[in-house]
Protein backbone atom coordinates (compact mmCIF):
# COMPACT_ATOMS: atom_id res chain seq x y z
CA MET A 1 23.20 -21.51 -10.77
CA ALA A 2 23.88 -18.08 -12.22
CA ASP A 3 20.47 -16.91 -10.92
CA VAL A 4 21.29 -18.12 -7.40
CA ALA A 5 24.84 -16.76 -7.28
CA PRO A 6 25.20 -13.86 -9.75
CA PRO A 7 28.75 -12.46 -9.84
CA ASP A 8 29.28 -8.91 -8.56
CA ALA A 9 25.58 -8.27 -7.88
CA ASP A 10 23.15 -8.30 -4.99
CA VAL A 11 22.31 -11.66 -3.46
CA PRO A 12 18.76 -12.58 -4.62
CA ARG A 13 17.36 -12.81 -1.09
CA ASP A 14 13.77 -13.67 -2.05
CA LEU A 15 14.89 -16.42 -4.41
CA LEU A 16 17.31 -17.94 -1.89
CA ALA A 17 14.65 -17.94 0.83
CA GLN A 18 12.78 -20.60 -1.16
CA PHE A 19 15.73 -22.99 -0.91
CA PHE A 20 15.89 -23.12 2.91
CA PRO A 21 13.36 -24.95 5.13
CA LEU A 22 11.90 -23.39 8.29
CA THR A 23 12.72 -19.89 7.02
CA ASP A 24 10.75 -18.04 9.71
CA ALA A 25 11.52 -20.35 12.66
CA LEU A 26 13.28 -19.19 15.83
CA ASN A 27 15.43 -21.28 18.18
CA TYR A 28 12.50 -21.26 20.60
CA ASP A 29 10.38 -23.12 18.04
CA GLY A 30 12.65 -26.17 18.42
CA GLY A 31 10.26 -27.53 21.06
CA GLU A 32 7.74 -28.25 18.31
CA GLN A 33 9.64 -28.00 15.02
CA PRO A 34 12.70 -29.96 13.84
CA LEU A 35 16.06 -28.94 15.25
CA PHE A 36 17.68 -29.78 11.92
CA ALA A 37 16.13 -29.93 8.45
CA VAL A 38 17.57 -30.32 4.96
CA GLN A 39 16.02 -29.34 1.63
CA THR A 40 17.50 -30.21 -1.76
CA THR A 41 16.35 -28.20 -4.78
CA ASP A 42 17.02 -29.35 -8.33
CA LEU A 43 18.09 -26.48 -10.56
CA ALA A 44 18.54 -26.61 -14.32
CA ASP A 45 22.30 -27.08 -13.95
CA GLY A 46 22.92 -28.07 -10.35
CA VAL A 47 21.58 -28.94 -6.91
CA PHE A 48 21.12 -26.53 -3.99
CA ILE A 49 21.37 -28.07 -0.49
CA GLY A 50 19.72 -25.87 2.14
CA PHE A 51 20.22 -26.52 5.86
CA ALA A 52 18.03 -25.19 8.67
CA TYR A 53 19.83 -25.62 11.97
CA ASN A 54 18.76 -24.62 15.48
CA HIS A 55 21.58 -22.61 17.07
CA ALA A 56 20.71 -24.12 20.45
CA LEU A 57 22.36 -27.29 19.16
CA SER A 58 25.77 -25.85 18.42
CA ASP A 59 27.85 -23.07 16.92
CA GLY A 60 29.09 -22.79 13.34
CA ALA A 61 32.34 -24.68 13.98
CA ALA A 62 30.43 -27.73 15.23
CA PHE A 63 27.85 -27.42 12.44
CA TRP A 64 30.45 -27.57 9.67
CA TYR A 65 32.37 -30.36 11.43
CA PHE A 66 29.14 -32.38 11.66
CA VAL A 67 28.00 -31.73 8.07
CA ASN A 68 31.44 -32.53 6.63
CA HIS A 69 31.59 -35.76 8.64
CA TRP A 70 28.15 -36.69 7.28
CA ALA A 71 29.26 -35.86 3.73
CA SER A 72 32.33 -38.08 4.19
CA LEU A 73 30.11 -40.97 5.27
CA ALA A 74 27.91 -40.41 2.20
CA ARG A 75 30.91 -40.52 -0.16
CA ALA A 76 32.14 -43.70 1.54
CA LYS A 77 28.69 -45.27 1.17
CA LEU A 78 28.79 -44.53 -2.57
CA GLY A 79 32.28 -46.01 -2.85
CA LEU A 80 33.77 -42.64 -3.80
CA ALA A 81 36.11 -42.35 -0.83
CA PRO A 82 37.30 -44.34 2.19
CA ALA A 83 35.43 -44.00 5.47
CA PRO A 84 36.39 -40.77 7.29
CA SER A 85 39.40 -41.08 9.58
CA THR A 86 38.58 -37.98 11.61
CA PRO A 87 37.03 -38.40 15.08
CA LYS A 88 33.27 -38.30 15.38
CA PRO A 89 31.71 -35.20 16.98
CA SER A 90 32.26 -35.17 20.75
CA PHE A 91 29.11 -34.72 22.88
CA GLU A 92 30.86 -34.54 26.27
CA ARG A 93 29.68 -31.30 27.89
CA TRP A 94 32.12 -28.69 29.19
CA SER A 95 31.76 -26.64 32.38
CA PRO A 96 34.15 -24.08 33.91
CA ASP A 97 34.84 -26.16 37.02
CA GLY A 98 35.43 -29.37 35.08
CA GLY A 99 32.37 -31.11 36.49
CA VAL A 100 29.04 -31.94 34.93
CA ALA A 101 27.46 -28.90 33.30
CA GLY A 102 24.23 -28.00 35.09
CA PRO A 103 21.10 -26.42 33.62
CA ALA A 104 20.72 -22.65 33.41
CA VAL A 105 17.55 -21.22 34.93
CA LEU A 106 16.25 -18.25 32.97
CA PRO A 107 14.79 -15.35 35.04
CA CYS A 108 11.21 -15.64 33.83
CA ALA A 109 8.16 -17.83 34.44
CA ASP A 110 7.48 -18.29 30.73
CA VAL A 111 10.38 -18.49 28.27
CA SER A 112 8.08 -17.18 25.52
CA GLU A 113 8.41 -13.78 27.23
CA LEU A 114 11.93 -13.63 25.78
CA VAL A 115 10.88 -14.39 22.21
CA GLU A 116 10.93 -11.70 19.54
CA ARG A 117 9.09 -12.23 16.27
CA ALA A 118 9.59 -9.47 13.76
CA SER A 119 9.31 -9.01 10.03
CA PRO A 120 12.61 -9.39 8.15
CA PRO A 121 14.33 -5.99 7.94
CA ARG A 122 14.68 -4.15 4.64
CA LEU A 123 18.20 -5.04 3.59
CA ARG A 124 20.54 -5.40 0.65
CA GLU A 125 23.12 -8.16 0.61
CA ARG A 126 26.25 -8.70 -1.47
CA MET A 127 28.90 -11.39 -1.72
CA LEU A 128 32.31 -9.74 -2.06
CA HIS A 129 35.51 -11.57 -2.93
CA PHE A 130 38.94 -10.77 -1.49
CA SER A 131 41.82 -12.62 -3.13
CA ALA A 132 44.86 -13.77 -1.18
CA ASP A 133 46.92 -11.04 -2.87
CA SER A 134 44.39 -8.35 -1.96
CA LEU A 135 44.34 -9.47 1.69
CA ALA A 136 48.14 -9.52 1.78
CA ALA A 137 48.19 -5.95 0.46
CA LEU A 138 45.62 -4.87 3.08
CA LYS A 139 47.71 -6.42 5.83
CA GLU A 140 50.90 -4.81 4.53
CA ARG A 141 49.25 -1.39 4.38
CA ALA A 142 48.09 -1.68 7.97
CA ARG A 143 51.54 -2.92 9.02
CA ASP A 144 53.28 0.05 7.38
CA GLU A 145 50.92 2.49 9.12
CA LEU A 146 51.55 0.91 12.52
CA LEU A 147 55.32 0.90 12.05
CA ALA A 148 55.19 4.56 11.05
CA ALA A 149 53.22 5.26 14.24
CA GLY A 150 55.81 3.39 16.36
CA ASP A 151 53.56 0.40 17.16
CA ALA A 152 55.97 -2.42 16.32
CA ALA A 153 54.13 -4.91 18.55
CA GLY A 154 50.83 -4.22 16.82
CA ALA A 155 52.49 -4.56 13.41
CA ALA A 156 54.08 -7.90 14.33
CA ALA A 157 50.76 -9.36 15.53
CA LEU A 158 48.71 -8.37 12.46
CA THR A 159 46.56 -10.99 10.72
CA ARG A 160 44.49 -11.07 7.53
CA PHE A 161 41.37 -11.17 9.70
CA GLN A 162 42.34 -7.92 11.43
CA ALA A 163 43.14 -6.25 8.13
CA LEU A 164 39.80 -7.21 6.55
CA SER A 165 37.54 -6.67 9.56
CA SER A 166 39.04 -3.23 10.20
CA LEU A 167 38.48 -2.28 6.55
CA LEU A 168 34.83 -3.32 6.89
CA TRP A 169 34.49 -1.42 10.18
CA ARG A 170 35.88 1.84 8.79
CA CYS A 171 34.06 1.70 5.43
CA ILE A 172 30.68 0.68 6.88
CA THR A 173 30.98 3.48 9.45
CA ARG A 174 31.72 5.92 6.63
CA ALA A 175 28.77 4.62 4.58
CA ARG A 176 26.44 5.24 7.53
CA ARG A 177 27.60 8.87 7.70
CA LEU A 178 27.82 8.75 11.49
CA ALA A 179 28.44 12.02 13.33
CA PRO A 180 32.17 12.39 14.17
CA ASP A 181 31.53 12.13 17.94
CA LYS A 182 29.28 9.04 17.64
CA GLU A 183 30.86 5.95 19.17
CA THR A 184 31.21 2.71 17.21
CA MET A 185 32.67 -0.75 17.83
CA CYS A 186 33.76 -3.72 15.77
CA ARG A 187 32.48 -7.04 17.09
CA ALA A 188 33.32 -10.56 15.97
CA ALA A 189 32.14 -14.06 16.84
CA ILE A 190 35.13 -15.99 18.19
CA ASN A 191 35.69 -19.70 18.79
CA ASN A 192 36.62 -20.58 22.38
CA ARG A 193 37.90 -24.13 21.79
CA ALA A 194 41.61 -23.40 21.33
CA ARG A 195 41.56 -20.53 23.83
CA LEU A 196 40.43 -22.58 26.81
CA ARG A 197 43.02 -24.22 29.10
CA PRO A 198 43.00 -27.12 28.71
CA GLN A 199 41.78 -26.77 25.14
CA LEU A 200 38.54 -28.30 23.97
CA PRO A 201 38.86 -30.69 21.02
CA GLN A 202 37.95 -29.19 17.66
CA GLU A 203 35.24 -31.85 17.32
CA TYR A 204 33.49 -30.60 20.51
CA PHE A 205 29.80 -30.44 19.59
CA GLY A 206 28.05 -27.52 21.24
CA ASN A 207 28.07 -23.76 21.57
CA THR A 208 31.37 -22.32 22.70
CA ILE A 209 31.63 -18.91 21.04
CA TYR A 210 31.43 -15.32 22.19
CA ALA A 211 31.10 -11.97 20.47
CA ILE A 212 34.17 -9.97 21.37
CA GLY A 213 34.40 -6.24 20.72
CA THR A 214 36.92 -3.46 20.34
CA GLU A 215 37.01 -0.53 22.68
CA PRO A 216 34.46 2.10 21.58
CA ALA A 217 35.91 4.61 19.14
CA ARG A 218 34.45 7.87 17.94
CA ALA A 219 33.56 7.73 14.25
CA GLY A 220 35.75 10.74 13.48
CA ASP A 221 38.76 9.20 15.22
CA LEU A 222 38.23 5.86 13.46
CA GLN A 223 38.58 7.61 10.11
CA ALA A 224 41.38 9.97 11.09
CA ARG A 225 43.60 7.37 12.76
CA GLY A 226 43.63 5.12 9.73
CA HIS A 227 43.47 1.48 8.76
CA GLY A 228 46.46 0.36 10.82
CA TRP A 229 45.08 1.79 14.05
CA ALA A 230 41.71 0.09 13.47
CA ALA A 231 43.39 -3.25 12.68
CA ALA A 232 45.42 -3.06 15.90
CA ALA A 233 42.25 -2.29 17.87
CA VAL A 234 40.69 -5.51 16.52
CA GLY A 235 43.87 -7.37 17.38
CA ARG A 236 43.78 -6.18 21.00
CA ALA A 237 40.18 -7.41 21.34
CA VAL A 238 41.16 -10.85 20.02
CA ALA A 239 44.24 -11.08 22.27
CA ALA A 240 42.20 -10.18 25.35
CA HIS A 241 39.89 -13.17 24.83
CA THR A 242 41.84 -15.60 27.04
CA ASP A 243 40.88 -18.61 29.13
CA ALA A 244 40.38 -16.35 32.16
CA ALA A 245 38.16 -13.95 30.19
CA ILE A 246 36.03 -16.81 28.84
CA ARG A 247 35.54 -18.34 32.29
CA ALA A 248 34.63 -14.94 33.74
CA ARG A 249 31.98 -14.41 31.06
CA VAL A 250 30.54 -17.89 31.60
CA ALA A 251 30.35 -17.24 35.35
CA GLU A 252 28.67 -13.88 34.77
CA TRP A 253 26.06 -15.39 32.44
CA THR A 254 25.44 -18.34 34.77
CA THR A 255 24.72 -15.93 37.62
CA LYS A 256 22.30 -13.93 35.51
CA PRO A 257 21.26 -15.89 32.37
CA MET A 258 19.87 -13.99 29.43
CA VAL A 259 18.74 -14.66 25.86
CA TYR A 260 20.17 -12.57 23.04
CA THR A 261 17.70 -11.20 20.51
CA HIS A 262 17.69 -8.40 17.93
CA ARG A 263 17.10 -5.98 20.80
CA PHE A 264 20.86 -6.15 21.33
CA PHE A 265 21.59 -5.06 17.76
CA ASP A 266 24.11 -2.21 17.68
CA SER A 267 23.02 0.23 14.98
CA THR A 268 26.39 2.04 14.99
CA GLY A 269 28.73 -0.97 15.12
CA THR A 270 29.76 -3.74 12.77
CA MET A 271 29.51 -7.47 13.44
CA ILE A 272 31.71 -10.17 11.88
CA GLY A 273 30.33 -13.70 11.88
CA SER A 274 31.03 -17.16 10.45
CA SER A 275 34.68 -17.98 9.61
CA PRO A 276 36.90 -18.49 6.54
CA ARG A 277 38.28 -21.51 8.43
CA PHE A 278 35.04 -23.48 8.01
CA ASP A 279 35.43 -26.21 5.38
CA MET A 280 32.53 -25.23 3.16
CA TYR A 281 34.01 -26.28 -0.17
CA GLY A 282 35.17 -29.70 0.97
CA CYS A 283 31.57 -30.61 1.82
CA ASP A 284 30.91 -33.09 -1.00
CA PHE A 285 28.03 -35.56 -0.55
CA GLY A 286 28.98 -37.38 -3.72
CA TRP A 287 27.67 -34.88 -6.25
CA GLY A 288 30.96 -33.06 -6.65
CA ARG A 289 32.67 -30.13 -4.97
CA PRO A 290 30.34 -27.21 -4.13
CA VAL A 291 30.45 -24.27 -6.53
CA ALA A 292 29.10 -21.60 -4.15
CA ALA A 293 28.17 -21.09 -0.49
CA ARG A 294 25.22 -18.89 0.52
CA SER A 295 23.08 -18.44 3.64
CA GLY A 296 19.43 -17.75 4.45
CA ARG A 297 17.79 -14.79 6.16
CA ALA A 298 18.48 -15.63 9.80
CA ASN A 299 20.59 -13.37 12.03
CA LYS A 300 21.05 -10.60 9.49
CA PHE A 301 20.95 -6.88 10.13
CA ASP A 302 22.58 -3.65 9.00
CA GLY A 303 26.34 -3.99 9.45
CA LYS A 304 26.49 -7.80 9.70
CA THR A 305 29.20 -9.48 7.64
CA SER A 306 29.84 -13.22 7.48
CA LEU A 307 33.27 -14.39 6.30
CA TYR A 308 33.55 -17.52 4.14
CA PRO A 309 36.56 -19.23 2.58
CA GLY A 310 37.11 -18.23 -1.03
CA ARG A 311 36.34 -21.06 -3.43
CA GLU A 312 39.80 -21.03 -5.00
CA GLY A 313 41.41 -21.43 -1.56
CA GLY A 314 44.92 -20.13 -1.00
CA GLY A 315 43.82 -17.84 1.81
CA SER A 316 41.16 -15.97 -0.18
CA ILE A 317 37.98 -14.88 1.63
CA ASP A 318 34.40 -14.17 0.58
CA ALA A 319 32.45 -11.62 2.64
CA GLU A 320 28.65 -11.77 2.84
CA LEU A 321 27.85 -8.12 3.60
CA THR A 322 24.38 -6.95 4.69
CA LEU A 323 23.38 -3.28 4.88
CA LEU A 324 20.36 -1.04 4.73
CA PRO A 325 19.79 -0.03 1.07
CA GLU A 326 20.87 3.56 1.58
CA ASN A 327 24.07 2.46 3.33
CA MET A 328 24.88 -0.02 0.57
CA VAL A 329 24.49 2.75 -2.01
CA ALA A 330 26.99 4.87 -0.07
CA LEU A 331 29.43 1.96 0.28
CA GLU A 332 29.29 1.37 -3.46
CA GLN A 333 30.85 4.83 -3.88
CA ASP A 334 33.71 4.13 -1.41
CA ASP A 335 37.00 4.01 -3.36
CA GLU A 336 39.07 2.63 -0.47
CA PHE A 337 36.69 -0.30 -0.06
CA TRP A 338 36.40 -1.26 -3.72
CA ALA A 339 40.14 -1.00 -4.25
CA ALA A 340 40.43 -4.05 -1.97
CA VAL A 341 37.55 -6.05 -3.50
CA THR A 342 38.56 -8.56 -6.17
CA LEU A 343 36.32 -8.90 -9.23
CA ASP A 344 34.59 -12.24 -8.76
CA ALA A 345 34.47 -14.84 -11.50
CA PRO A 346 31.17 -16.39 -12.62
CA VAL A 347 30.10 -19.49 -10.73
CA PRO A 348 31.75 -22.47 -12.45
CA LYS A 349 29.55 -25.04 -14.15
CA PRO A 350 29.06 -28.19 -12.05
CA GLN A 351 30.98 -31.17 -13.37
CA LYS A 352 28.70 -33.93 -14.58
CA LYS A 353 29.48 -37.42 -13.34
CA ASP A 354 28.73 -40.73 -15.01
C-alpha cells in the first residue's frame, strides 16, 4: 500500500494506471466497450478496487451514491450489516419543462468527428492534505482580509471550499509565472440537484453538473488583491448558479448541443473537480474501511485539482493536484501554499479480519 499511496510524494501514475481497467477508453467507446468495469488487484498488504465508469452514465455524485449502495448490499449479503435503508438510485429523467426529456441531436453526421484521441500529457500529480484546522485558518484569513476591505457580506458568506479553491487558484497562477496582464479564471464542477426548484433528489442518477467560473481576473490583480478577494470571487460564482441560471444553460445547450473535449482546456485557469462531500471512506464492501482514495488518468491536465474528503473526517480535505512538471517545481517553492498544507501521515495498515 505504501507504494500505491506514498505520503508527501508524487502519485505513482504509471503504477496506478495498471490498477484501472479501460485506461485509454473514451466515453464514445461505450458503444462497444463496457460502460462500467471493476478490477480488483491483490497487493501484499491490501486490495485495490479500480473502477472504470463512462461519464455518459452519470456524474460523480451519482457514481458514489451507486457504489456505496452496492457496497451496503455486499455487507448485508455477508451478514456484516443490515440491508441499506437509503433509497435506491432514481432513474427518472429530468427536463427543464417538467416533461419527458427528449434526445439531443448533435450537429454532425458522424459523432466520431467530435472524438479526440491524444497521448496522455506529461504531468506530475500530488495528493495534498488539508486538516480541518488548516482550512479553518485559511477561511479566517480570507474573512479578516474581506472585513478590512469593507466587504462584510463576502466575509459572512465564506466557506472552506472558497478558502481552499482560491488558495489553489492564486498559487497555481503564481507557479505558472503568468504575465501580470494575462487573464485567468477559477472554475469548479458544481452539483445542480439542490439548486434546482423544485430540487432533484440526491439519489437522482444521471448527469446534472456544470462547470461554473469566476469573472476573469488579471494575474497581477489576483496576486495584489489577496486571498480574501479571490475567495469572494469564487463565492460570487457559486451564488450566481441558481435555478434560473441552470435552466438557461440547459436551454442554450439544447439549442446548440456540443461535446466537451480537451480542446476546451484553459491553459491559464484552474479547475476544481470531484467533491469532499462524496462518501469515499464509507465505501466498505466487507473488507474493511478504505485506507486511501486515488484516481486514474482520465480528465487530467495542468491546473486540474480534485477534492476528496480527508480520511480522518472532521472536515479535512485531500487535494489531488495535477500540474506540468515545471509548474509543480515552482509550486513546491511557494511558502504561502505549503504553510496551508498539512503533513500527511503514512497510509494505515489494513485491519485483518477473521
